[in-house]
Amino acid sequence: MGFTNIFDIQGLKDGYNLENYIETGTGAGISLSHALKFSFKKNISFEIFEPIFEKAKDKFKNQNCEIVFGNSYEKLPDILRVIEGNTLFWLDAHFPGADFGYRGYGDELDIDKRLPLERELRVIVENYDNYKNSVFLIDDLRIYEDGPFESGNWSDRSRLGLDGVDFIHNLFDETHTVEKDYRFQGYIILKPKSNKKK
């Protein structure tokens, strides 16, 4: 579990003309709360686990954001088809309810619900014309590979995680730089190759 507050959000927003913030995996709302400080036009968060969604809905009522209940890769297309401008994506949906003690990490048997990242990214590429000009911050790299993470490797990766991030390279190598950050549990940062302000 990581948070957006370790990144220079204002610098990314200004440097890549980012107008919207979209996250998957609302959790305790820490990253959404941080994003709300930067005056994005739209702030949208997706949460699949109902008890967490209900808490977030109450926490963020009357704020400039929308909390969407449901499966991120099923709900994203409706938002992406109408949203305008470039977006900062924070993708942190995995193991529904597990980080907050509601369920175990292996309880969700559907791999796409347990680890929806690949499906989310494919949906974004297929439904959002501005994905090429948008920035992606992806949490928990250690779910996908071992490395020199500050928090160490995840001992359950071979059992509950996946093996590698080739799908990210296949989808984004032509349009984005792909950076790995080993702070905490690791991040992948995707920055457009052609959109940065001079």
Protein backbone atom coordinates (compact mmCIF):
# COMPACT_ATOMS: atom_id res chain seq x y z
CA MET A 1 0.00 0.00 0.00
CA GLY A 2 1.44 3.36 -1.05
CA PHE A 3 0.23 6.89 -1.41
CA THR A 4 0.41 9.68 -3.97
CA ASN A 5 1.87 12.15 -1.50
CA ILE A 6 5.42 10.95 -2.18
CA PHE A 7 5.14 12.25 -5.75
CA ASP A 8 5.35 15.82 -7.07
CA ILE A 9 1.70 16.00 -8.09
CA GLN A 10 1.76 19.72 -8.85
CA GLY A 11 4.84 19.26 -11.04
CA LEU A 12 3.18 16.41 -12.95
CA LYS A 13 -0.07 18.37 -13.29
CA ASP A 14 1.66 21.44 -14.65
CA GLY A 15 4.25 19.59 -16.71
CA TYR A 16 1.78 17.34 -18.53
CA ASN A 17 -1.33 19.54 -18.62
CA LEU A 18 -3.26 17.13 -16.40
CA GLU A 19 -6.85 18.18 -15.80
CA ASN A 20 -8.35 15.13 -14.08
CA TYR A 21 -7.49 12.67 -11.34
CA ILE A 22 -8.77 9.08 -11.54
CA GLU A 23 -7.87 6.38 -9.06
CA THR A 24 -8.78 2.73 -8.62
CA GLY A 25 -8.91 1.43 -5.07
CA THR A 26 -10.22 4.19 -2.80
CA GLY A 27 -9.10 2.51 0.40
CA ALA A 28 -8.96 4.92 3.33
CA GLY A 29 -9.08 7.85 0.92
CA ILE A 30 -5.57 9.11 1.69
CA SER A 31 -4.52 9.48 -1.95
CA LEU A 32 -7.86 10.99 -2.95
CA SER A 33 -7.61 13.51 -0.09
CA HIS A 34 -4.15 14.45 -1.33
CA ALA A 35 -5.31 14.81 -4.93
CA LEU A 36 -8.10 17.17 -3.89
CA LYS A 37 -5.46 19.74 -2.89
CA PHE A 38 -4.47 20.28 -6.54
CA SER A 39 -7.68 21.65 -8.08
CA PHE A 40 -8.21 18.97 -10.71
CA LYS A 41 -11.43 19.56 -12.65
CA LYS A 42 -12.60 15.98 -12.05
CA ASN A 43 -11.65 13.67 -9.20
CA ILE A 44 -12.99 10.14 -9.54
CA SER A 45 -12.29 7.09 -7.38
CA PHE A 46 -13.41 3.48 -7.93
CA GLU A 47 -13.94 1.08 -5.04
CA ILE A 48 -15.17 -2.52 -5.41
CA PHE A 49 -15.52 -3.46 -1.73
CA GLU A 50 -18.82 -2.16 -0.38
CA PRO A 51 -17.91 -1.43 3.28
CA ILE A 52 -14.93 0.65 2.11
CA PHE A 53 -17.07 2.38 -0.52
CA GLU A 54 -19.70 3.32 2.07
CA LYS A 55 -17.09 4.84 4.38
CA ALA A 56 -15.52 6.77 1.51
CA LYS A 57 -18.90 8.02 0.32
CA ASP A 58 -19.53 9.51 3.76
CA LYS A 59 -16.00 10.85 4.13
CA PHE A 60 -16.02 12.68 0.80
CA LYS A 61 -19.62 13.91 0.60
CA ASN A 62 -19.88 17.55 -0.47
CA GLN A 63 -16.34 17.50 -1.90
CA ASN A 64 -15.31 17.87 -5.53
CA CYS A 65 -15.09 14.15 -6.21
CA GLU A 66 -17.10 11.14 -7.25
CA ILE A 67 -16.79 7.74 -5.59
CA VAL A 68 -17.91 4.97 -7.94
CA PHE A 69 -18.93 1.61 -6.50
CA GLY A 70 -18.05 -1.46 -8.51
CA ASN A 71 -15.43 -3.25 -10.52
CA SER A 72 -12.98 -0.70 -11.89
CA TYR A 73 -12.46 -2.22 -15.31
CA GLU A 74 -16.21 -2.60 -15.82
CA LYS A 75 -17.06 0.93 -14.64
CA LEU A 76 -14.14 2.83 -16.22
CA PRO A 77 -15.40 2.89 -19.83
CA ASP A 78 -18.47 4.99 -19.02
CA ILE A 79 -16.29 7.63 -17.36
CA LEU A 80 -13.50 7.54 -19.94
CA ARG A 81 -15.82 8.06 -22.91
CA VAL A 82 -17.04 11.43 -21.59
CA ILE A 83 -14.07 12.83 -19.67
CA GLU A 84 -12.14 15.63 -21.36
CA GLY A 85 -8.48 16.55 -21.04
CA ASN A 86 -5.44 14.65 -19.79
CA THR A 87 -5.58 12.62 -16.61
CA LEU A 88 -3.40 11.59 -13.71
CA PHE A 89 -4.20 7.93 -13.03
CA TRP A 90 -3.39 6.39 -9.63
CA LEU A 91 -3.90 2.63 -9.98
CA ASP A 92 -3.95 0.88 -6.61
CA ALA A 93 -6.81 -1.63 -6.79
CA HIS A 94 -6.02 -5.15 -5.65
CA PHE A 95 -7.03 -7.79 -3.08
CA PRO A 96 -10.50 -6.33 -2.31
CA GLY A 97 -10.86 -5.58 1.39
CA ALA A 98 -7.61 -7.31 2.39
CA ASP A 99 -5.43 -4.30 3.23
CA PHE A 100 -8.04 -3.21 5.76
CA GLY A 101 -8.60 -6.55 7.47
CA TYR A 102 -12.01 -7.37 5.98
CA ARG A 103 -10.75 -10.39 4.02
CA GLY A 104 -7.63 -12.44 3.40
CA TYR A 105 -5.34 -11.73 0.45
CA GLY A 106 -6.25 -15.04 -1.16
CA ASP A 107 -10.01 -14.86 -0.57
CA GLU A 108 -10.88 -13.39 -3.97
CA LEU A 109 -10.57 -16.29 -6.39
CA ASP A 110 -11.22 -14.28 -9.57
CA ILE A 111 -7.71 -13.18 -10.62
CA ASP A 112 -9.05 -10.16 -12.52
CA LYS A 113 -10.82 -8.88 -9.40
CA ARG A 114 -7.88 -9.79 -7.18
CA LEU A 115 -5.35 -8.06 -9.45
CA PRO A 116 -7.22 -5.89 -11.98
CA LEU A 117 -4.27 -3.80 -13.22
CA GLU A 118 -3.85 -5.37 -16.65
CA ARG A 119 -7.60 -5.21 -17.35
CA GLU A 120 -7.72 -1.59 -16.14
CA LEU A 121 -4.88 -0.53 -18.40
CA ARG A 122 -6.36 -2.27 -21.44
CA VAL A 123 -9.73 -0.62 -20.80
CA ILE A 124 -8.05 2.79 -20.55
CA VAL A 125 -6.11 2.30 -23.79
CA GLU A 126 -9.22 1.08 -25.61
CA ASN A 127 -11.66 3.71 -24.35
CA TYR A 128 -9.73 6.91 -23.71
CA ASP A 129 -8.16 8.83 -26.58
CA ASN A 130 -6.06 10.98 -24.22
CA TYR A 131 -4.28 8.07 -22.57
CA LYS A 132 -1.21 8.88 -24.69
CA ASN A 133 -0.96 12.29 -23.00
CA SER A 134 -1.79 11.11 -19.48
CA VAL A 135 0.41 10.10 -16.56
CA PHE A 136 0.06 6.80 -14.68
CA LEU A 137 1.25 6.10 -11.15
CA ILE A 138 0.92 2.39 -10.37
CA ASP A 139 1.33 1.11 -6.83
CA ASP A 140 2.73 -2.14 -5.43
CA LEU A 141 5.25 -3.23 -8.04
CA ARG A 142 6.36 -6.01 -5.70
CA ILE A 143 3.09 -7.85 -6.40
CA TYR A 144 4.51 -8.44 -9.90
CA GLU A 145 8.24 -8.88 -9.43
CA ASP A 146 11.05 -9.06 -6.90
CA GLY A 147 13.48 -6.18 -6.50
CA PRO A 148 15.31 -3.89 -4.07
CA PHE A 149 12.11 -2.62 -2.44
CA GLU A 150 12.37 -0.62 0.79
CA SER A 151 9.66 -2.88 2.23
CA GLY A 152 11.35 -6.03 0.93
CA ASN A 153 10.03 -8.59 -1.52
CA TRP A 154 6.58 -10.06 -0.96
CA SER A 155 6.85 -13.62 0.26
CA ASP A 156 3.40 -14.53 -1.16
CA ARG A 157 4.04 -13.22 -4.67
CA SER A 158 4.51 -16.65 -6.22
CA ARG A 159 1.23 -17.81 -4.65
CA LEU A 160 -1.01 -14.74 -4.91
CA GLY A 161 0.76 -12.27 -7.18
CA LEU A 162 1.85 -12.35 -10.80
CA ASP A 163 5.11 -12.77 -12.65
CA GLY A 164 6.33 -9.65 -14.38
CA VAL A 165 5.02 -6.48 -15.98
CA ASP A 166 5.48 -7.30 -19.67
CA PHE A 167 1.86 -6.33 -20.25
CA ILE A 168 2.69 -2.76 -19.23
CA HIS A 169 5.60 -2.58 -21.66
CA ASN A 170 3.47 -4.09 -24.44
CA LEU A 171 0.77 -1.46 -23.92
CA PHE A 172 2.91 1.62 -23.26
CA ASP A 173 6.48 1.36 -24.55
CA GLU A 174 5.59 3.26 -27.74
CA THR A 175 3.81 6.13 -25.98
CA HIS A 176 5.33 6.42 -22.50
CA THR A 177 8.57 6.11 -20.60
CA VAL A 178 8.30 3.29 -18.07
CA GLU A 179 10.08 4.02 -14.79
CA LYS A 180 10.38 1.82 -11.70
CA ASP A 181 10.59 3.31 -8.22
CA TYR A 182 11.58 0.96 -5.37
CA ARG A 183 10.45 3.12 -2.47
CA PHE A 184 8.08 1.36 -0.05
CA GLN A 185 6.43 -1.54 -1.95
CA GLY A 186 7.41 -0.16 -5.35
CA TYR A 187 5.80 1.90 -8.09
CA ILE A 188 5.68 2.09 -11.85
CA ILE A 189 5.51 5.57 -13.35
CA LEU A 190 4.35 6.03 -16.94
CA LYS A 191 5.05 9.47 -18.44
CA PRO A 192 4.09 10.50 -21.98
CA LYS A 193 6.97 10.73 -24.43
CA SER A 194 5.46 13.63 -26.35
CA ASN A 195 3.33 15.75 -24.01
CA LYS A 196 5.66 17.46 -21.52
CA LYS A 197 5.62 21.26 -21.59
CA LYS A 198 8.84 22.82 -22.75
